Amino acid sequence: MKHLLFCSICALAFVTSLVGCGKPFQVYTPPGFIELENQSPTYEYRATTPEGVVVGIQVIDLEGDNSGNLDFWTRALTLQMRDVSGYALLETRDVKSRDGTPGKQLRFGHDEDSKPFLYRLSVYVKDKRLFLFESGGTKANFERYEKNVEWIGDNLRFK
């Protein structure tokens, strides 16, 4: 009986870890990154490399019938990043999460202290929620971990 109870608890713990502990998405942290906990109330997930390449996921609840669609949020965030934050839009790509949710990926560049930085923002709208998958770092370090960052995005699922 104790063995059955132990196995049931282990199975429940495993299923809970797959579900993502109540988060409205499922994400996996790839090799080379560690998940950061209790970093910011703004992010529901953050991870980093030793060199400072950071990824994060924000979830924003949208209210009302006119809460905006993917095109609206893509345009609004592009203008915010370009006009307010000073990032140069380098490229826009269509992306899709593992569960099939369509999105847009915005690729930006920015220089600080004569050092180039890359920043990516993938935007998804699903079930009255805005999901933002962000990643960035110095250009040299970001390019080193680019495949790992892409892997996170390719395996991201929304619930």
N, C-alpha and C. Protein backbone atom coordinates (compact mmCIF):
# COMPACT_ATOMS: atom_id res chain seq x y z
N MET A 1 0.82 -1.19 0.00
CA MET A 1 0.00 0.00 0.00
C MET A 1 0.87 1.27 0.00
N LYS A 2 1.95 1.24 0.83
CA LYS A 2 2.83 2.41 0.87
C LYS A 2 3.50 2.63 -0.49
N HIS A 3 3.86 1.53 -1.15
CA HIS A 3 4.49 1.64 -2.47
C HIS A 3 3.52 2.27 -3.48
N LEU A 4 2.26 1.87 -3.44
CA LEU A 4 1.24 2.41 -4.34
C LEU A 4 1.03 3.90 -4.07
N LEU A 5 0.99 4.29 -2.79
CA LEU A 5 0.83 5.70 -2.44
C LEU A 5 2.04 6.51 -2.92
N PHE A 6 3.25 5.98 -2.72
CA PHE A 6 4.46 6.65 -3.17
C PHE A 6 4.45 6.83 -4.68
N CYS A 7 4.08 5.78 -5.43
CA CYS A 7 4.03 5.86 -6.89
C CYS A 7 2.99 6.88 -7.34
N SER A 8 1.85 6.93 -6.64
CA SER A 8 0.81 7.91 -6.99
C SER A 8 1.30 9.33 -6.77
N ILE A 9 2.00 9.56 -5.66
CA ILE A 9 2.54 10.90 -5.38
C ILE A 9 3.58 11.28 -6.42
N CYS A 10 4.46 10.35 -6.79
CA CYS A 10 5.47 10.62 -7.82
C CYS A 10 4.81 10.93 -9.16
N ALA A 11 3.79 10.18 -9.52
CA ALA A 11 3.08 10.43 -10.78
C ALA A 11 2.43 11.80 -10.77
N LEU A 12 1.80 12.17 -9.65
CA LEU A 12 1.16 13.47 -9.54
C LEU A 12 2.20 14.59 -9.64
N ALA A 13 3.34 14.42 -8.99
CA ALA A 13 4.41 15.42 -9.07
C ALA A 13 4.91 15.57 -10.50
N PHE A 14 5.05 14.46 -11.21
CA PHE A 14 5.50 14.49 -12.60
C PHE A 14 4.50 15.23 -13.48
N VAL A 15 3.22 14.90 -13.35
CA VAL A 15 2.18 15.55 -14.15
C VAL A 15 2.12 17.04 -13.83
N THR A 16 2.23 17.40 -12.55
CA THR A 16 2.21 18.81 -12.16
C THR A 16 3.39 19.55 -12.77
N SER A 17 4.56 18.92 -12.83
CA SER A 17 5.72 19.59 -13.43
C SER A 17 5.52 19.79 -14.93
N LEU A 18 4.82 18.89 -15.58
CA LEU A 18 4.56 19.05 -17.01
C LEU A 18 3.54 20.15 -17.27
N VAL A 19 2.57 20.28 -16.39
CA VAL A 19 1.52 21.27 -16.57
C VAL A 19 2.08 22.67 -16.39
N GLY A 20 3.13 22.82 -15.61
CA GLY A 20 3.73 24.15 -15.45
C GLY A 20 3.24 24.87 -14.22
N CYS A 21 2.74 24.13 -13.25
CA CYS A 21 2.34 24.69 -11.96
C CYS A 21 1.36 25.84 -12.10
N GLY A 22 0.35 25.67 -12.90
CA GLY A 22 -0.71 26.65 -12.99
C GLY A 22 -0.46 27.79 -13.96
N LYS A 23 0.67 27.82 -14.61
CA LYS A 23 0.93 28.87 -15.59
C LYS A 23 0.10 28.61 -16.84
N PRO A 24 -0.30 29.66 -17.55
CA PRO A 24 -1.12 29.45 -18.75
C PRO A 24 -0.28 29.07 -19.98
N PHE A 25 0.91 28.56 -19.75
CA PHE A 25 1.79 28.12 -20.83
C PHE A 25 2.69 27.02 -20.30
N GLN A 26 3.30 26.31 -21.23
CA GLN A 26 4.28 25.28 -20.89
C GLN A 26 5.59 25.66 -21.57
N VAL A 27 6.65 25.70 -20.80
CA VAL A 27 7.96 26.09 -21.33
C VAL A 27 9.01 25.17 -20.74
N TYR A 28 10.05 24.92 -21.50
CA TYR A 28 11.17 24.12 -21.05
C TYR A 28 12.42 24.97 -21.09
N THR A 29 13.27 24.80 -20.10
CA THR A 29 14.53 25.52 -20.04
C THR A 29 15.61 24.65 -20.68
N PRO A 30 16.27 25.15 -21.73
CA PRO A 30 17.26 24.34 -22.45
C PRO A 30 18.61 24.30 -21.74
N PRO A 31 19.48 23.40 -22.17
CA PRO A 31 20.84 23.37 -21.63
C PRO A 31 21.52 24.73 -21.85
N GLY A 32 22.34 25.11 -20.90
CA GLY A 32 23.05 26.38 -20.99
C GLY A 32 22.32 27.51 -20.28
N PHE A 33 21.04 27.30 -19.93
CA PHE A 33 20.22 28.29 -19.23
C PHE A 33 19.85 27.74 -17.86
N ILE A 34 19.62 28.63 -16.90
CA ILE A 34 18.99 28.23 -15.65
C ILE A 34 17.76 29.10 -15.46
N GLU A 35 16.71 28.50 -14.92
CA GLU A 35 15.49 29.25 -14.65
C GLU A 35 15.71 30.12 -13.42
N LEU A 36 15.26 31.36 -13.51
CA LEU A 36 15.33 32.31 -12.40
C LEU A 36 13.97 32.35 -11.73
N GLU A 37 13.96 32.26 -10.43
CA GLU A 37 12.69 32.28 -9.71
C GLU A 37 12.55 33.57 -8.93
N ASN A 38 11.32 34.02 -8.79
CA ASN A 38 10.99 35.22 -8.01
C ASN A 38 11.80 36.43 -8.45
N GLN A 39 11.98 36.60 -9.76
CA GLN A 39 12.77 37.69 -10.29
C GLN A 39 11.99 38.98 -10.41
N SER A 40 10.77 38.87 -10.87
CA SER A 40 10.01 40.07 -11.16
C SER A 40 8.53 39.70 -11.23
N PRO A 41 7.66 40.52 -10.68
CA PRO A 41 6.24 40.21 -10.80
C PRO A 41 5.73 40.38 -12.24
N THR A 42 6.53 41.01 -13.08
CA THR A 42 6.14 41.23 -14.48
C THR A 42 6.25 39.95 -15.29
N TYR A 43 7.18 39.08 -14.96
CA TYR A 43 7.44 37.87 -15.74
C TYR A 43 6.94 36.64 -15.02
N GLU A 44 6.33 35.74 -15.78
CA GLU A 44 5.92 34.46 -15.22
C GLU A 44 7.00 33.40 -15.45
N TYR A 45 7.98 33.72 -16.28
CA TYR A 45 9.11 32.82 -16.51
C TYR A 45 10.30 33.66 -16.94
N ARG A 46 11.47 33.35 -16.38
CA ARG A 46 12.72 33.97 -16.81
C ARG A 46 13.84 32.95 -16.66
N ALA A 47 14.77 32.98 -17.59
CA ALA A 47 15.95 32.13 -17.53
C ALA A 47 17.12 32.90 -18.11
N THR A 48 18.34 32.50 -17.73
CA THR A 48 19.53 33.21 -18.18
C THR A 48 20.69 32.24 -18.40
N THR A 49 21.67 32.72 -19.14
CA THR A 49 22.94 32.01 -19.32
C THR A 49 23.98 32.70 -18.42
N PRO A 50 25.13 32.08 -18.21
CA PRO A 50 26.17 32.75 -17.43
C PRO A 50 26.63 34.06 -18.06
N GLU A 51 26.53 34.16 -19.40
CA GLU A 51 26.97 35.37 -20.12
C GLU A 51 25.91 36.46 -20.16
N GLY A 52 24.73 36.21 -19.60
CA GLY A 52 23.71 37.25 -19.52
C GLY A 52 22.69 37.27 -20.65
N VAL A 53 22.61 36.22 -21.47
CA VAL A 53 21.50 36.12 -22.43
C VAL A 53 20.28 35.72 -21.61
N VAL A 54 19.22 36.50 -21.73
CA VAL A 54 18.04 36.30 -20.90
C VAL A 54 16.82 36.05 -21.77
N VAL A 55 15.96 35.14 -21.31
CA VAL A 55 14.65 34.92 -21.93
C VAL A 55 13.59 35.12 -20.86
N GLY A 56 12.42 35.54 -21.29
CA GLY A 56 11.32 35.74 -20.34
C GLY A 56 9.99 35.65 -21.03
N ILE A 57 8.97 35.33 -20.24
CA ILE A 57 7.61 35.27 -20.75
C ILE A 57 6.72 36.11 -19.85
N GLN A 58 5.99 37.01 -20.48
CA GLN A 58 4.98 37.82 -19.79
C GLN A 58 3.61 37.39 -20.29
N VAL A 59 2.64 37.43 -19.40
CA VAL A 59 1.26 37.14 -19.75
C VAL A 59 0.42 38.31 -19.27
N ILE A 60 -0.32 38.91 -20.20
CA ILE A 60 -1.15 40.06 -19.87
C ILE A 60 -2.59 39.71 -20.21
N ASP A 61 -3.46 39.80 -19.19
CA ASP A 61 -4.89 39.55 -19.42
C ASP A 61 -5.48 40.75 -20.15
N LEU A 62 -6.20 40.46 -21.22
CA LEU A 62 -6.85 41.50 -22.02
C LEU A 62 -8.33 41.54 -21.64
N GLU A 63 -8.85 42.74 -21.52
CA GLU A 63 -10.24 42.89 -21.12
C GLU A 63 -11.07 43.49 -22.24
N GLY A 64 -12.34 43.15 -22.24
CA GLY A 64 -13.27 43.74 -23.19
C GLY A 64 -13.25 43.08 -24.55
N ASP A 65 -14.28 43.39 -25.34
CA ASP A 65 -14.39 42.83 -26.68
C ASP A 65 -13.39 43.45 -27.64
N ASN A 66 -13.00 44.68 -27.40
CA ASN A 66 -12.04 45.37 -28.27
C ASN A 66 -10.65 45.36 -27.64
N SER A 67 -10.17 44.17 -27.29
CA SER A 67 -8.89 44.06 -26.60
C SER A 67 -7.71 43.96 -27.56
N GLY A 68 -7.98 43.99 -28.84
CA GLY A 68 -6.91 43.96 -29.84
C GLY A 68 -6.58 42.55 -30.29
N ASN A 69 -6.16 42.47 -31.55
CA ASN A 69 -5.76 41.18 -32.11
C ASN A 69 -4.24 41.18 -32.31
N LEU A 70 -3.74 40.15 -32.94
CA LEU A 70 -2.30 40.02 -33.14
C LEU A 70 -1.71 41.19 -33.92
N ASP A 71 -2.39 41.63 -34.97
CA ASP A 71 -1.89 42.76 -35.77
C ASP A 71 -1.80 44.04 -34.94
N PHE A 72 -2.83 44.29 -34.13
CA PHE A 72 -2.85 45.48 -33.28
C PHE A 72 -1.65 45.46 -32.32
N TRP A 73 -1.47 44.35 -31.60
CA TRP A 73 -0.40 44.29 -30.60
C TRP A 73 0.99 44.28 -31.24
N THR A 74 1.12 43.67 -32.39
CA THR A 74 2.40 43.69 -33.10
C THR A 74 2.78 45.13 -33.45
N ARG A 75 1.83 45.86 -33.99
CA ARG A 75 2.08 47.26 -34.37
C ARG A 75 2.36 48.12 -33.14
N ALA A 76 1.56 47.97 -32.10
CA ALA A 76 1.73 48.77 -30.88
C ALA A 76 3.09 48.52 -30.25
N LEU A 77 3.50 47.26 -30.18
CA LEU A 77 4.79 46.93 -29.56
C LEU A 77 5.96 47.36 -30.44
N THR A 78 5.80 47.28 -31.75
CA THR A 78 6.85 47.77 -32.66
C THR A 78 7.07 49.27 -32.45
N LEU A 79 5.99 50.03 -32.39
CA LEU A 79 6.10 51.47 -32.18
C LEU A 79 6.71 51.79 -30.82
N GLN A 80 6.32 51.06 -29.78
CA GLN A 80 6.87 51.27 -28.44
C GLN A 80 8.37 51.01 -28.43
N MET A 81 8.78 49.90 -29.00
CA MET A 81 10.20 49.55 -29.00
C MET A 81 11.02 50.52 -29.84
N ARG A 82 10.49 50.92 -30.97
CA ARG A 82 11.23 51.79 -31.88
C ARG A 82 11.22 53.24 -31.41
N ASP A 83 10.03 53.79 -31.21
CA ASP A 83 9.90 55.22 -30.96
C ASP A 83 10.19 55.62 -29.51
N VAL A 84 9.86 54.76 -28.56
CA VAL A 84 10.06 55.11 -27.16
C VAL A 84 11.37 54.54 -26.61
N SER A 85 11.67 53.29 -26.94
CA SER A 85 12.85 52.64 -26.37
C SER A 85 14.10 52.74 -27.23
N GLY A 86 13.96 53.20 -28.48
CA GLY A 86 15.13 53.43 -29.33
C GLY A 86 15.73 52.21 -30.00
N TYR A 87 14.96 51.13 -30.12
CA TYR A 87 15.45 49.93 -30.80
C TYR A 87 15.15 50.04 -32.30
N ALA A 88 16.03 49.49 -33.11
CA ALA A 88 15.82 49.45 -34.56
C ALA A 88 15.19 48.11 -34.92
N LEU A 89 14.07 48.15 -35.63
CA LEU A 89 13.43 46.92 -36.09
C LEU A 89 14.25 46.37 -37.25
N LEU A 90 14.78 45.16 -37.08
CA LEU A 90 15.61 44.53 -38.10
C LEU A 90 14.81 43.59 -39.00
N GLU A 91 13.79 42.95 -38.42
CA GLU A 91 13.05 41.94 -39.18
C GLU A 91 11.78 41.56 -38.42
N THR A 92 10.77 41.16 -39.19
CA THR A 92 9.54 40.61 -38.63
C THR A 92 9.29 39.26 -39.27
N ARG A 93 8.95 38.27 -38.45
CA ARG A 93 8.70 36.92 -38.96
C ARG A 93 7.39 36.38 -38.39
N ASP A 94 6.72 35.54 -39.18
CA ASP A 94 5.58 34.79 -38.66
C ASP A 94 6.14 33.61 -37.87
N VAL A 95 5.54 33.35 -36.70
CA VAL A 95 5.93 32.21 -35.88
C VAL A 95 4.67 31.48 -35.44
N LYS A 96 4.85 30.29 -34.93
CA LYS A 96 3.74 29.50 -34.42
C LYS A 96 4.22 28.73 -33.21
N SER A 97 3.43 28.74 -32.14
CA SER A 97 3.80 27.99 -30.94
C SER A 97 3.58 26.50 -31.19
N ARG A 98 4.07 25.68 -30.27
CA ARG A 98 3.96 24.22 -30.41
C ARG A 98 2.50 23.78 -30.49
N ASP A 99 1.59 24.53 -29.84
CA ASP A 99 0.17 24.17 -29.88
C ASP A 99 -0.55 24.78 -31.09
N GLY A 100 0.17 25.48 -31.96
CA GLY A 100 -0.42 26.01 -33.18
C GLY A 100 -0.89 27.45 -33.12
N THR A 101 -0.65 28.15 -32.01
CA THR A 101 -1.06 29.55 -31.89
C THR A 101 -0.17 30.41 -32.78
N PRO A 102 -0.77 31.16 -33.72
CA PRO A 102 0.05 32.03 -34.59
C PRO A 102 0.58 33.23 -33.83
N GLY A 103 1.76 33.68 -34.23
CA GLY A 103 2.36 34.84 -33.60
C GLY A 103 3.25 35.59 -34.56
N LYS A 104 3.81 36.68 -34.08
CA LYS A 104 4.78 37.48 -34.83
C LYS A 104 6.03 37.62 -33.99
N GLN A 105 7.17 37.45 -34.64
CA GLN A 105 8.44 37.67 -33.96
C GLN A 105 9.07 38.94 -34.51
N LEU A 106 9.39 39.85 -33.60
CA LEU A 106 10.02 41.11 -33.94
C LEU A 106 11.48 41.02 -33.52
N ARG A 107 12.38 41.30 -34.45
CA ARG A 107 13.81 41.25 -34.15
C ARG A 107 14.36 42.67 -34.17
N PHE A 108 14.98 43.05 -33.07
CA PHE A 108 15.47 44.41 -32.90
C PHE A 108 16.97 44.41 -32.63
N GLY A 109 17.59 45.54 -32.92
CA GLY A 109 18.98 45.79 -32.57
C GLY A 109 19.08 47.09 -31.80
N HIS A 110 20.11 47.20 -30.97
CA HIS A 110 20.29 48.39 -30.15
C HIS A 110 21.76 48.42 -29.71
N ASP A 111 22.35 49.58 -29.72
CA ASP A 111 23.73 49.73 -29.25
C ASP A 111 23.74 50.43 -27.90
N GLU A 112 24.56 49.90 -26.98
CA GLU A 112 24.79 50.53 -25.68
C GLU A 112 26.29 50.57 -25.44
N ASP A 113 26.81 51.74 -25.16
CA ASP A 113 28.25 51.90 -24.92
C ASP A 113 29.07 51.28 -26.05
N SER A 114 28.65 51.55 -27.29
CA SER A 114 29.32 51.05 -28.49
C SER A 114 29.31 49.52 -28.61
N LYS A 115 28.42 48.87 -27.88
CA LYS A 115 28.32 47.41 -27.92
C LYS A 115 26.95 47.05 -28.48
N PRO A 116 26.91 46.23 -29.56
CA PRO A 116 25.62 45.87 -30.15
C PRO A 116 24.87 44.81 -29.32
N PHE A 117 23.57 45.03 -29.19
CA PHE A 117 22.67 44.10 -28.50
C PHE A 117 21.59 43.65 -29.46
N LEU A 118 21.12 42.42 -29.29
CA LEU A 118 19.99 41.90 -30.04
C LEU A 118 18.85 41.62 -29.07
N TYR A 119 17.64 41.87 -29.54
CA TYR A 119 16.45 41.66 -28.72
C TYR A 119 15.36 41.10 -29.62
N ARG A 120 14.72 40.03 -29.17
CA ARG A 120 13.61 39.44 -29.92
C ARG A 120 12.37 39.46 -29.05
N LEU A 121 11.27 39.74 -29.69
CA LEU A 121 9.99 39.77 -29.01
C LEU A 121 8.99 39.00 -29.86
N SER A 122 8.51 37.87 -29.36
CA SER A 122 7.48 37.10 -30.05
C SER A 122 6.15 37.39 -29.37
N VAL A 123 5.16 37.74 -30.18
CA VAL A 123 3.86 38.21 -29.70
C VAL A 123 2.80 37.19 -30.09
N TYR A 124 1.98 36.78 -29.10
CA TYR A 124 0.88 35.86 -29.35
C TYR A 124 -0.36 36.38 -28.63
N VAL A 125 -1.54 36.18 -29.23
CA VAL A 125 -2.80 36.50 -28.58
C VAL A 125 -3.64 35.24 -28.59
N LYS A 126 -4.06 34.82 -27.38
CA LYS A 126 -4.89 33.61 -27.28
C LYS A 126 -5.79 33.72 -26.05
N ASP A 127 -7.07 33.44 -26.25
CA ASP A 127 -8.03 33.39 -25.14
C ASP A 127 -7.97 34.63 -24.25
N LYS A 128 -8.05 35.80 -24.87
CA LYS A 128 -8.05 37.09 -24.15
C LYS A 128 -6.79 37.30 -23.32
N ARG A 129 -5.69 36.73 -23.81
CA ARG A 129 -4.39 36.94 -23.16
C ARG A 129 -3.36 37.31 -24.22
N LEU A 130 -2.48 38.22 -23.83
CA LEU A 130 -1.34 38.61 -24.65
C LEU A 130 -0.12 37.91 -24.05
N PHE A 131 0.56 37.09 -24.85
CA PHE A 131 1.76 36.39 -24.42
C PHE A 131 2.96 37.03 -25.12
N LEU A 132 3.96 37.40 -24.35
CA LEU A 132 5.17 38.01 -24.88
C LEU A 132 6.36 37.13 -24.50
N PHE A 133 7.02 36.58 -25.50
CA PHE A 133 8.24 35.78 -25.29
C PHE A 133 9.41 36.65 -25.72
N GLU A 134 10.21 37.06 -24.74
CA GLU A 134 11.31 37.98 -24.98
C GLU A 134 12.65 37.28 -24.82
N SER A 135 13.62 37.73 -25.57
CA SER A 135 14.98 37.22 -25.42
C SER A 135 15.95 38.31 -25.87
N GLY A 136 17.12 38.32 -25.24
CA GLY A 136 18.08 39.33 -25.63
C GLY A 136 19.41 39.19 -24.93
N GLY A 137 20.37 39.91 -25.46
CA GLY A 137 21.71 39.93 -24.89
C GLY A 137 22.64 40.63 -25.86
N THR A 138 23.93 40.66 -25.50
CA THR A 138 24.90 41.23 -26.43
C THR A 138 24.87 40.39 -27.71
N LYS A 139 25.16 41.00 -28.82
CA LYS A 139 25.06 40.31 -30.10
C LYS A 139 25.91 39.03 -30.12
N ALA A 140 27.15 39.12 -29.67
CA ALA A 140 28.04 37.95 -29.70
C ALA A 140 27.50 36.81 -28.84
N ASN A 141 27.05 37.14 -27.64
CA ASN A 141 26.52 36.09 -26.75
C ASN A 141 25.17 35.57 -27.23
N PHE A 142 24.32 36.47 -27.73
CA PHE A 142 23.02 36.03 -28.21
C PHE A 142 23.18 35.06 -29.38
N GLU A 143 24.07 35.40 -30.30
CA GLU A 143 24.29 34.51 -31.45
C GLU A 143 24.82 33.15 -31.01
N ARG A 144 25.59 33.13 -29.94
CA ARG A 144 26.11 31.86 -29.40
C ARG A 144 24.97 30.96 -28.89
N TYR A 145 23.94 31.56 -28.31
CA TYR A 145 22.82 30.80 -27.73
C TYR A 145 21.55 30.84 -28.59
N GLU A 146 21.67 31.33 -29.80
CA GLU A 146 20.49 31.52 -30.65
C GLU A 146 19.69 30.24 -30.87
N LYS A 147 20.34 29.13 -31.10
CA LYS A 147 19.63 27.85 -31.31
C LYS A 147 18.84 27.45 -30.06
N ASN A 148 19.41 27.69 -28.89
CA ASN A 148 18.72 27.37 -27.64
C ASN A 148 17.49 28.26 -27.45
N VAL A 149 17.63 29.55 -27.78
CA VAL A 149 16.50 30.48 -27.69
C VAL A 149 15.40 30.06 -28.66
N GLU A 150 15.78 29.72 -29.87
CA GLU A 150 14.79 29.26 -30.86
C GLU A 150 14.11 27.98 -30.39
N TRP A 151 14.85 27.09 -29.75
CA TRP A 151 14.28 25.85 -29.24
C TRP A 151 13.19 26.12 -28.20
N ILE A 152 13.44 27.12 -27.33
CA ILE A 152 12.43 27.48 -26.33
C ILE A 152 11.15 27.91 -27.05
N GLY A 153 11.28 28.81 -28.00
CA GLY A 153 10.12 29.30 -28.75
C GLY A 153 9.41 28.21 -29.52
N ASP A 154 10.17 27.31 -30.12
CA ASP A 154 9.58 26.21 -30.89
C ASP A 154 8.79 25.24 -30.02
N ASN A 155 9.14 25.15 -28.74
CA ASN A 155 8.48 24.21 -27.83
C ASN A 155 7.51 24.86 -26.85
N LEU A 156 7.29 26.15 -27.01
CA LEU A 156 6.36 26.88 -26.14
C LEU A 156 4.92 26.50 -26.49
N ARG A 157 4.14 26.17 -25.47
CA ARG A 157 2.72 25.82 -25.65
C ARG A 157 1.87 26.72 -24.76
N PHE A 158 0.75 27.13 -25.30
CA PHE A 158 -0.21 27.92 -24.52
C PHE A 158 -1.40 27.05 -24.18
N LYS A 159 -1.91 27.23 -22.98
CA LYS A 159 -3.04 26.41 -22.51
C LYS A 159 -4.35 27.13 -22.70
